[in-house]
N, C-alpha and C. Protein backbone atom coordinates (compact mmCIF):
# COMPACT_ATOMS: atom_id res chain seq x y z
N MET A 1 0.81 -1.19 0.00
CA MET A 1 0.00 0.00 0.00
C MET A 1 0.86 1.26 0.00
N THR A 2 1.93 1.30 0.81
CA THR A 2 2.75 2.51 0.83
C THR A 2 3.45 2.72 -0.50
N GLU A 3 3.87 1.64 -1.14
CA GLU A 3 4.55 1.79 -2.43
C GLU A 3 3.65 2.44 -3.47
N SER A 4 2.35 2.23 -3.38
CA SER A 4 1.44 2.80 -4.37
C SER A 4 1.36 4.33 -4.27
N LYS A 5 1.81 4.90 -3.16
CA LYS A 5 1.82 6.35 -3.00
C LYS A 5 3.12 6.99 -3.50
N ILE A 6 4.08 6.15 -3.92
CA ILE A 6 5.34 6.65 -4.48
C ILE A 6 5.16 6.73 -5.99
N LEU A 7 5.18 7.94 -6.50
CA LEU A 7 4.85 8.18 -7.90
C LEU A 7 6.04 8.72 -8.67
N THR A 8 6.10 8.39 -9.96
CA THR A 8 7.05 9.04 -10.85
C THR A 8 6.58 10.49 -11.03
N ARG A 9 7.41 11.30 -11.60
CA ARG A 9 7.00 12.69 -11.84
C ARG A 9 5.76 12.74 -12.71
N GLU A 10 5.73 11.97 -13.77
CA GLU A 10 4.58 11.98 -14.67
C GLU A 10 3.32 11.51 -13.95
N GLN A 11 3.44 10.48 -13.12
CA GLN A 11 2.29 10.02 -12.34
C GLN A 11 1.83 11.09 -11.36
N ALA A 12 2.77 11.80 -10.74
CA ALA A 12 2.41 12.87 -9.81
C ALA A 12 1.67 13.99 -10.53
N ILE A 13 2.10 14.33 -11.72
CA ILE A 13 1.43 15.35 -12.52
C ILE A 13 0.00 14.92 -12.81
N GLN A 14 -0.17 13.68 -13.26
CA GLN A 14 -1.51 13.17 -13.58
C GLN A 14 -2.39 13.09 -12.35
N GLN A 15 -1.82 12.66 -11.23
CA GLN A 15 -2.59 12.57 -9.99
C GLN A 15 -3.04 13.95 -9.54
N ALA A 16 -2.14 14.93 -9.65
CA ALA A 16 -2.51 16.30 -9.28
C ALA A 16 -3.64 16.81 -10.16
N LYS A 17 -3.58 16.52 -11.44
CA LYS A 17 -4.66 16.94 -12.36
C LYS A 17 -5.99 16.30 -11.96
N LEU A 18 -5.94 15.02 -11.62
CA LEU A 18 -7.16 14.32 -11.21
C LEU A 18 -7.73 14.92 -9.94
N TRP A 19 -6.89 15.10 -8.93
CA TRP A 19 -7.36 15.69 -7.68
C TRP A 19 -7.92 17.09 -7.91
N ARG A 20 -7.23 17.87 -8.74
CA ARG A 20 -7.70 19.24 -9.02
C ARG A 20 -9.07 19.20 -9.69
N SER A 21 -9.27 18.26 -10.63
CA SER A 21 -10.56 18.13 -11.32
C SER A 21 -11.68 17.73 -10.36
N GLU A 22 -11.31 17.13 -9.24
CA GLU A 22 -12.28 16.74 -8.21
C GLU A 22 -12.49 17.85 -7.18
N GLY A 23 -11.86 19.00 -7.41
CA GLY A 23 -12.01 20.13 -6.51
C GLY A 23 -11.12 20.08 -5.27
N GLN A 24 -10.13 19.20 -5.29
CA GLN A 24 -9.21 19.08 -4.15
C GLN A 24 -8.14 20.17 -4.23
N GLN A 25 -7.78 20.73 -3.09
CA GLN A 25 -6.67 21.69 -3.03
C GLN A 25 -5.39 20.92 -2.76
N ILE A 26 -4.41 21.11 -3.63
CA ILE A 26 -3.17 20.36 -3.56
C ILE A 26 -2.10 21.17 -2.86
N VAL A 27 -1.54 20.57 -1.82
CA VAL A 27 -0.43 21.14 -1.06
C VAL A 27 0.84 20.46 -1.52
N PHE A 28 1.91 21.23 -1.65
CA PHE A 28 3.21 20.66 -2.00
C PHE A 28 4.25 21.14 -1.00
N THR A 29 5.09 20.23 -0.59
CA THR A 29 6.28 20.58 0.17
C THR A 29 7.38 19.63 -0.26
N ASN A 30 8.58 19.93 0.20
CA ASN A 30 9.71 19.09 -0.21
C ASN A 30 10.76 19.05 0.89
N GLY A 31 11.66 18.08 0.76
CA GLY A 31 12.76 17.97 1.70
C GLY A 31 13.48 16.66 1.57
N CYS A 32 14.50 16.51 2.43
CA CYS A 32 15.32 15.30 2.44
C CYS A 32 14.72 14.21 3.32
N PHE A 33 14.21 14.57 4.49
CA PHE A 33 13.58 13.65 5.43
C PHE A 33 14.45 12.41 5.65
N ASP A 34 15.70 12.66 6.04
CA ASP A 34 16.69 11.59 6.16
C ASP A 34 16.42 10.67 7.34
N ILE A 35 16.47 11.18 8.55
CA ILE A 35 16.10 10.40 9.72
C ILE A 35 14.84 11.05 10.27
N VAL A 36 13.73 10.35 10.15
CA VAL A 36 12.43 10.93 10.50
C VAL A 36 12.33 11.13 12.02
N HIS A 37 11.89 12.32 12.40
CA HIS A 37 11.75 12.67 13.81
C HIS A 37 10.48 13.50 14.00
N LEU A 38 10.19 13.84 15.25
CA LEU A 38 8.98 14.58 15.58
C LEU A 38 8.83 15.86 14.76
N GLY A 39 9.91 16.57 14.53
CA GLY A 39 9.84 17.80 13.74
C GLY A 39 9.27 17.55 12.35
N HIS A 40 9.68 16.45 11.71
CA HIS A 40 9.16 16.10 10.38
C HIS A 40 7.67 15.78 10.44
N ILE A 41 7.30 14.97 11.42
CA ILE A 41 5.90 14.55 11.53
C ILE A 41 5.00 15.77 11.75
N ASP A 42 5.37 16.61 12.68
CA ASP A 42 4.60 17.81 12.98
C ASP A 42 4.49 18.71 11.76
N TYR A 43 5.61 18.92 11.08
CA TYR A 43 5.65 19.79 9.90
C TYR A 43 4.72 19.27 8.79
N LEU A 44 4.84 17.98 8.49
CA LEU A 44 4.04 17.42 7.40
C LEU A 44 2.55 17.40 7.74
N GLU A 45 2.24 17.13 8.99
CA GLU A 45 0.84 17.13 9.42
C GLU A 45 0.25 18.54 9.28
N LYS A 46 1.01 19.55 9.69
CA LYS A 46 0.55 20.94 9.54
C LYS A 46 0.41 21.32 8.07
N ALA A 47 1.36 20.91 7.25
CA ALA A 47 1.30 21.22 5.82
C ALA A 47 0.02 20.63 5.20
N ARG A 48 -0.24 19.38 5.50
CA ARG A 48 -1.43 18.71 4.94
C ARG A 48 -2.72 19.38 5.38
N SER A 49 -2.74 19.92 6.60
CA SER A 49 -3.96 20.54 7.12
C SER A 49 -4.34 21.81 6.35
N LEU A 50 -3.45 22.32 5.53
CA LEU A 50 -3.71 23.54 4.76
C LEU A 50 -4.50 23.29 3.49
N GLY A 51 -4.64 22.02 3.10
CA GLY A 51 -5.37 21.68 1.88
C GLY A 51 -5.96 20.29 2.00
N ASN A 52 -6.28 19.69 0.84
CA ASN A 52 -6.92 18.38 0.83
C ASN A 52 -5.98 17.23 0.53
N LYS A 53 -4.94 17.48 -0.25
CA LYS A 53 -3.99 16.44 -0.65
C LYS A 53 -2.58 16.99 -0.52
N LEU A 54 -1.67 16.16 -0.01
CA LEU A 54 -0.27 16.58 0.15
C LEU A 54 0.63 15.76 -0.75
N ILE A 55 1.32 16.45 -1.64
CA ILE A 55 2.36 15.83 -2.46
C ILE A 55 3.70 16.25 -1.88
N LEU A 56 4.52 15.26 -1.59
CA LEU A 56 5.83 15.48 -1.01
C LEU A 56 6.92 15.24 -2.06
N GLY A 57 7.69 16.27 -2.35
CA GLY A 57 8.86 16.14 -3.21
C GLY A 57 10.04 15.71 -2.35
N LEU A 58 10.59 14.55 -2.61
CA LEU A 58 11.66 13.98 -1.80
C LEU A 58 12.98 14.01 -2.57
N ASN A 59 14.00 14.61 -1.96
CA ASN A 59 15.31 14.66 -2.60
C ASN A 59 15.87 13.26 -2.81
N THR A 60 16.46 13.03 -3.98
CA THR A 60 17.15 11.76 -4.23
C THR A 60 18.40 11.68 -3.37
N ASP A 61 18.98 10.49 -3.29
CA ASP A 61 20.22 10.32 -2.53
C ASP A 61 21.31 11.26 -3.03
N ALA A 62 21.45 11.35 -4.36
CA ALA A 62 22.49 12.21 -4.92
C ALA A 62 22.29 13.67 -4.53
N SER A 63 21.05 14.13 -4.57
CA SER A 63 20.82 15.54 -4.22
C SER A 63 21.00 15.78 -2.73
N VAL A 64 20.65 14.79 -1.88
CA VAL A 64 20.90 14.94 -0.44
C VAL A 64 22.39 15.07 -0.19
N SER A 65 23.19 14.24 -0.86
CA SER A 65 24.66 14.31 -0.69
C SER A 65 25.20 15.67 -1.11
N CYS A 66 24.66 16.22 -2.18
CA CYS A 66 25.11 17.54 -2.62
C CYS A 66 24.76 18.62 -1.59
N ILE A 67 23.60 18.50 -0.97
CA ILE A 67 23.14 19.50 -0.01
C ILE A 67 23.79 19.32 1.36
N LYS A 68 23.82 18.07 1.83
CA LYS A 68 24.20 17.79 3.22
C LYS A 68 25.62 17.26 3.40
N GLY A 69 26.25 16.85 2.29
CA GLY A 69 27.61 16.33 2.39
C GLY A 69 27.68 14.85 2.05
N PRO A 70 28.90 14.34 1.85
CA PRO A 70 29.08 12.98 1.32
C PRO A 70 28.64 11.85 2.26
N LEU A 71 28.46 12.13 3.54
CA LEU A 71 28.03 11.08 4.48
C LEU A 71 26.50 10.97 4.58
N ARG A 72 25.81 11.80 3.86
CA ARG A 72 24.35 11.79 3.88
C ARG A 72 23.84 11.43 2.50
N PRO A 73 22.70 10.80 2.38
CA PRO A 73 21.78 10.51 3.47
C PRO A 73 22.21 9.28 4.27
N VAL A 74 21.68 9.19 5.46
CA VAL A 74 21.88 8.01 6.29
C VAL A 74 20.94 6.91 5.81
N VAL A 75 19.73 7.29 5.45
CA VAL A 75 18.70 6.36 4.98
C VAL A 75 18.53 6.57 3.47
N ASN A 76 18.56 5.48 2.70
CA ASN A 76 18.49 5.62 1.23
C ASN A 76 17.11 6.09 0.75
N GLU A 77 17.07 6.55 -0.49
CA GLU A 77 15.86 7.19 -1.01
C GLU A 77 14.65 6.26 -1.06
N TYR A 78 14.86 4.98 -1.37
CA TYR A 78 13.73 4.06 -1.39
C TYR A 78 13.12 3.94 0.01
N ALA A 79 13.97 3.76 1.01
CA ALA A 79 13.48 3.63 2.39
C ALA A 79 12.83 4.93 2.85
N ARG A 80 13.43 6.07 2.51
CA ARG A 80 12.85 7.36 2.90
C ARG A 80 11.49 7.55 2.23
N ALA A 81 11.38 7.18 0.96
CA ALA A 81 10.11 7.31 0.24
C ALA A 81 9.04 6.42 0.87
N ARG A 82 9.39 5.21 1.23
CA ARG A 82 8.43 4.30 1.87
C ARG A 82 7.98 4.84 3.23
N LEU A 83 8.94 5.36 4.00
CA LEU A 83 8.59 5.93 5.31
C LEU A 83 7.62 7.11 5.15
N MET A 84 7.91 7.99 4.22
CA MET A 84 7.04 9.15 4.01
C MET A 84 5.67 8.71 3.50
N ALA A 85 5.64 7.73 2.59
CA ALA A 85 4.38 7.25 2.04
C ALA A 85 3.53 6.55 3.10
N ALA A 86 4.16 6.04 4.14
CA ALA A 86 3.42 5.35 5.20
C ALA A 86 2.64 6.32 6.08
N LEU A 87 2.96 7.59 6.01
CA LEU A 87 2.26 8.58 6.82
C LEU A 87 0.88 8.86 6.22
N ALA A 88 -0.15 8.78 7.06
CA ALA A 88 -1.52 8.95 6.59
C ALA A 88 -1.76 10.31 5.95
N PHE A 89 -1.04 11.33 6.41
CA PHE A 89 -1.29 12.68 5.91
C PHE A 89 -0.43 13.03 4.70
N VAL A 90 0.36 12.09 4.20
CA VAL A 90 1.09 12.26 2.94
C VAL A 90 0.34 11.45 1.88
N ASP A 91 -0.13 12.13 0.84
CA ASP A 91 -0.95 11.46 -0.17
C ASP A 91 -0.14 10.95 -1.35
N ALA A 92 1.01 11.55 -1.61
CA ALA A 92 1.88 11.10 -2.69
C ALA A 92 3.30 11.56 -2.42
N VAL A 93 4.25 10.73 -2.84
CA VAL A 93 5.68 11.05 -2.72
C VAL A 93 6.28 10.91 -4.11
N THR A 94 7.07 11.89 -4.49
CA THR A 94 7.77 11.80 -5.76
C THR A 94 9.19 12.33 -5.58
N LEU A 95 10.14 11.64 -6.17
CA LEU A 95 11.55 12.00 -6.02
C LEU A 95 11.95 13.08 -7.01
N PHE A 96 12.91 13.90 -6.60
CA PHE A 96 13.50 14.85 -7.53
C PHE A 96 15.00 14.95 -7.26
N GLY A 97 15.77 15.07 -8.33
CA GLY A 97 17.21 15.10 -8.21
C GLY A 97 17.85 16.42 -8.57
N GLU A 98 17.03 17.37 -9.00
CA GLU A 98 17.55 18.68 -9.36
C GLU A 98 18.01 19.41 -8.10
N PRO A 99 18.83 20.45 -8.26
CA PRO A 99 19.31 21.20 -7.09
C PRO A 99 18.19 21.83 -6.27
N THR A 100 17.08 22.19 -6.92
CA THR A 100 15.92 22.74 -6.21
C THR A 100 14.67 22.03 -6.75
N PRO A 101 13.55 22.15 -6.04
CA PRO A 101 12.32 21.51 -6.51
C PRO A 101 11.53 22.34 -7.52
N LEU A 102 12.12 23.39 -8.07
CA LEU A 102 11.38 24.30 -8.94
C LEU A 102 10.71 23.57 -10.11
N GLU A 103 11.44 22.73 -10.82
CA GLU A 103 10.86 22.02 -11.97
C GLU A 103 9.68 21.16 -11.55
N LEU A 104 9.80 20.51 -10.41
CA LEU A 104 8.72 19.67 -9.91
C LEU A 104 7.51 20.51 -9.52
N ILE A 105 7.75 21.62 -8.86
CA ILE A 105 6.66 22.53 -8.49
C ILE A 105 5.93 23.03 -9.74
N GLU A 106 6.69 23.42 -10.75
CA GLU A 106 6.08 23.90 -11.99
C GLU A 106 5.29 22.79 -12.68
N ALA A 107 5.74 21.55 -12.56
CA ALA A 107 5.06 20.43 -13.20
C ALA A 107 3.77 20.06 -12.45
N VAL A 108 3.82 20.03 -11.14
CA VAL A 108 2.67 19.63 -10.31
C VAL A 108 1.65 20.75 -10.18
N GLN A 109 2.12 22.00 -10.19
CA GLN A 109 1.27 23.18 -10.07
C GLN A 109 0.37 23.14 -8.82
N PRO A 110 1.00 23.09 -7.65
CA PRO A 110 0.18 23.03 -6.43
C PRO A 110 -0.60 24.31 -6.18
N ASP A 111 -1.67 24.15 -5.43
CA ASP A 111 -2.46 25.31 -5.01
C ASP A 111 -1.80 26.01 -3.84
N ILE A 112 -1.11 25.21 -3.02
CA ILE A 112 -0.49 25.73 -1.80
C ILE A 112 0.93 25.16 -1.70
N LEU A 113 1.89 26.04 -1.59
CA LEU A 113 3.30 25.66 -1.41
C LEU A 113 3.67 25.93 0.03
N VAL A 114 4.27 24.94 0.70
CA VAL A 114 4.55 25.06 2.13
C VAL A 114 6.01 24.77 2.43
N LYS A 115 6.57 25.57 3.33
CA LYS A 115 7.89 25.31 3.91
C LYS A 115 7.82 25.69 5.39
N GLY A 116 8.86 25.36 6.12
CA GLY A 116 8.92 25.69 7.53
C GLY A 116 9.17 27.18 7.73
N ASP A 117 8.93 27.63 8.95
CA ASP A 117 9.08 29.05 9.23
C ASP A 117 10.54 29.51 9.37
N ASP A 118 11.47 28.60 9.05
CA ASP A 118 12.86 29.03 8.92
C ASP A 118 13.08 29.65 7.54
N TYR A 119 12.04 29.66 6.71
CA TYR A 119 12.04 30.33 5.40
C TYR A 119 11.09 31.52 5.48
N THR A 120 11.26 32.42 4.52
CA THR A 120 10.27 33.47 4.30
C THR A 120 9.72 33.23 2.90
N VAL A 121 8.57 33.79 2.62
CA VAL A 121 7.98 33.62 1.29
C VAL A 121 8.99 34.02 0.21
N ALA A 122 9.76 35.06 0.46
CA ALA A 122 10.74 35.56 -0.51
C ALA A 122 11.87 34.55 -0.77
N THR A 123 12.12 33.65 0.18
CA THR A 123 13.23 32.70 0.01
C THR A 123 12.77 31.29 -0.35
N ILE A 124 11.48 31.09 -0.54
CA ILE A 124 10.97 29.76 -0.88
C ILE A 124 11.02 29.56 -2.38
N VAL A 125 11.76 28.53 -2.78
CA VAL A 125 11.85 28.19 -4.20
C VAL A 125 10.47 27.83 -4.73
N GLY A 126 10.09 28.44 -5.84
CA GLY A 126 8.80 28.17 -6.46
C GLY A 126 7.68 29.08 -6.01
N ALA A 127 7.93 29.91 -5.01
CA ALA A 127 6.88 30.80 -4.49
C ALA A 127 6.35 31.72 -5.59
N ASP A 128 7.25 32.31 -6.36
CA ASP A 128 6.82 33.22 -7.43
C ASP A 128 5.89 32.51 -8.42
N PHE A 129 6.25 31.28 -8.78
CA PHE A 129 5.44 30.51 -9.73
C PHE A 129 4.05 30.25 -9.16
N VAL A 130 3.98 29.75 -7.93
CA VAL A 130 2.70 29.41 -7.31
C VAL A 130 1.82 30.65 -7.16
N LEU A 131 2.40 31.74 -6.70
CA LEU A 131 1.65 32.98 -6.54
C LEU A 131 1.14 33.51 -7.89
N ALA A 132 1.99 33.42 -8.91
CA ALA A 132 1.62 33.90 -10.25
C ALA A 132 0.48 33.08 -10.85
N HIS A 133 0.31 31.85 -10.37
CA HIS A 133 -0.74 30.98 -10.89
C HIS A 133 -1.94 30.91 -9.94
N GLY A 134 -2.07 31.92 -9.08
CA GLY A 134 -3.25 32.02 -8.23
C GLY A 134 -3.21 31.20 -6.95
N GLY A 135 -2.08 30.58 -6.67
CA GLY A 135 -1.97 29.80 -5.45
C GLY A 135 -1.47 30.64 -4.29
N ARG A 136 -1.21 29.95 -3.19
CA ARG A 136 -0.67 30.67 -2.05
C ARG A 136 0.54 29.94 -1.49
N VAL A 137 1.34 30.68 -0.75
CA VAL A 137 2.56 30.16 -0.14
C VAL A 137 2.44 30.36 1.36
N GLU A 138 2.69 29.29 2.10
CA GLU A 138 2.54 29.32 3.55
C GLU A 138 3.81 28.82 4.22
N THR A 139 4.07 29.35 5.41
CA THR A 139 5.11 28.78 6.26
C THR A 139 4.42 28.25 7.51
N VAL A 140 4.95 27.15 8.03
CA VAL A 140 4.39 26.57 9.25
C VAL A 140 5.46 26.54 10.33
N ALA A 141 5.02 26.71 11.56
CA ALA A 141 5.95 26.72 12.69
C ALA A 141 6.62 25.36 12.85
N LEU A 142 7.92 25.40 13.06
CA LEU A 142 8.69 24.18 13.28
C LEU A 142 8.78 23.90 14.78
N VAL A 143 8.92 22.63 15.13
CA VAL A 143 9.10 22.24 16.52
C VAL A 143 10.53 22.58 16.90
N PRO A 144 10.73 23.44 17.90
CA PRO A 144 12.10 23.83 18.26
C PRO A 144 12.95 22.63 18.72
N GLY A 145 14.21 22.66 18.32
CA GLY A 145 15.16 21.67 18.80
C GLY A 145 15.23 20.37 18.02
N TYR A 146 14.43 20.25 16.95
CA TYR A 146 14.46 19.02 16.17
C TYR A 146 15.06 19.27 14.80
N SER A 147 16.11 18.55 14.50
CA SER A 147 16.69 18.53 13.15
C SER A 147 17.48 17.25 13.01
N THR A 148 17.56 16.74 11.81
CA THR A 148 18.31 15.51 11.58
C THR A 148 19.78 15.71 11.91
N THR A 149 20.33 16.85 11.55
CA THR A 149 21.74 17.12 11.82
C THR A 149 22.00 17.11 13.33
N LYS A 150 21.13 17.75 14.10
CA LYS A 150 21.30 17.74 15.56
C LYS A 150 21.17 16.33 16.12
N LEU A 151 20.26 15.56 15.57
CA LEU A 151 20.08 14.18 16.02
C LEU A 151 21.32 13.35 15.73
N ILE A 152 21.87 13.50 14.55
CA ILE A 152 23.11 12.77 14.19
C ILE A 152 24.24 13.20 15.11
N ASP A 153 24.36 14.49 15.38
CA ASP A 153 25.42 14.98 16.28
C ASP A 153 25.28 14.39 17.67
N ARG A 154 24.04 14.28 18.18
CA ARG A 154 23.82 13.67 19.51
C ARG A 154 24.20 12.19 19.50
N ILE A 155 23.87 11.48 18.44
CA ILE A 155 24.23 10.07 18.33
C ILE A 155 25.76 9.91 18.29
N LYS A 156 26.40 10.73 17.48
CA LYS A 156 27.87 10.66 17.39
C LYS A 156 28.52 10.97 18.73
N ALA A 157 28.01 11.98 19.43
CA ALA A 157 28.56 12.35 20.73
C ALA A 157 28.42 11.22 21.75
N GLY A 158 27.34 10.49 21.65
CA GLY A 158 27.07 9.40 22.57
C GLY A 158 27.93 8.17 22.35
N TYR A 159 28.51 8.07 21.15
CA TYR A 159 29.30 6.89 20.81
C TYR A 159 30.76 7.21 20.53
N SER A 160 31.20 8.40 20.89
CA SER A 160 32.59 8.74 20.63
C SER A 160 33.45 8.60 21.86
């Protein structure tokens, strides 16, 4: 069942069109989601609450390594995609390997683009596109103290 929520880009585009034709508001967010923690769960649940369907753009392993360094990701893209797809409030997961999710955002054409409040609308990739197409861009409050990098640092400190 979780695998059926992992879509190719073309499938994600078609699914978004179908949902839109049914009057559903499509929310899009993206990220690496390497080691899933409370901050991720809270963020994704809040993002989904802003619309009817949540499409999650998930960075490929190669793009995570480019962003986070050669030791990341800790969890491979297939496992990360399955974990994200297992969440009830995530309706679809699609991988992207580009440096930013802009191409995916333009392809899916979400009604609502969401990032954490560590961003501003001006710094969110794809915000201009979504706004120009009548959508909206939202930031949601993050749970303080939760990040994968901090979690990895705590694990390393405990075993050094």
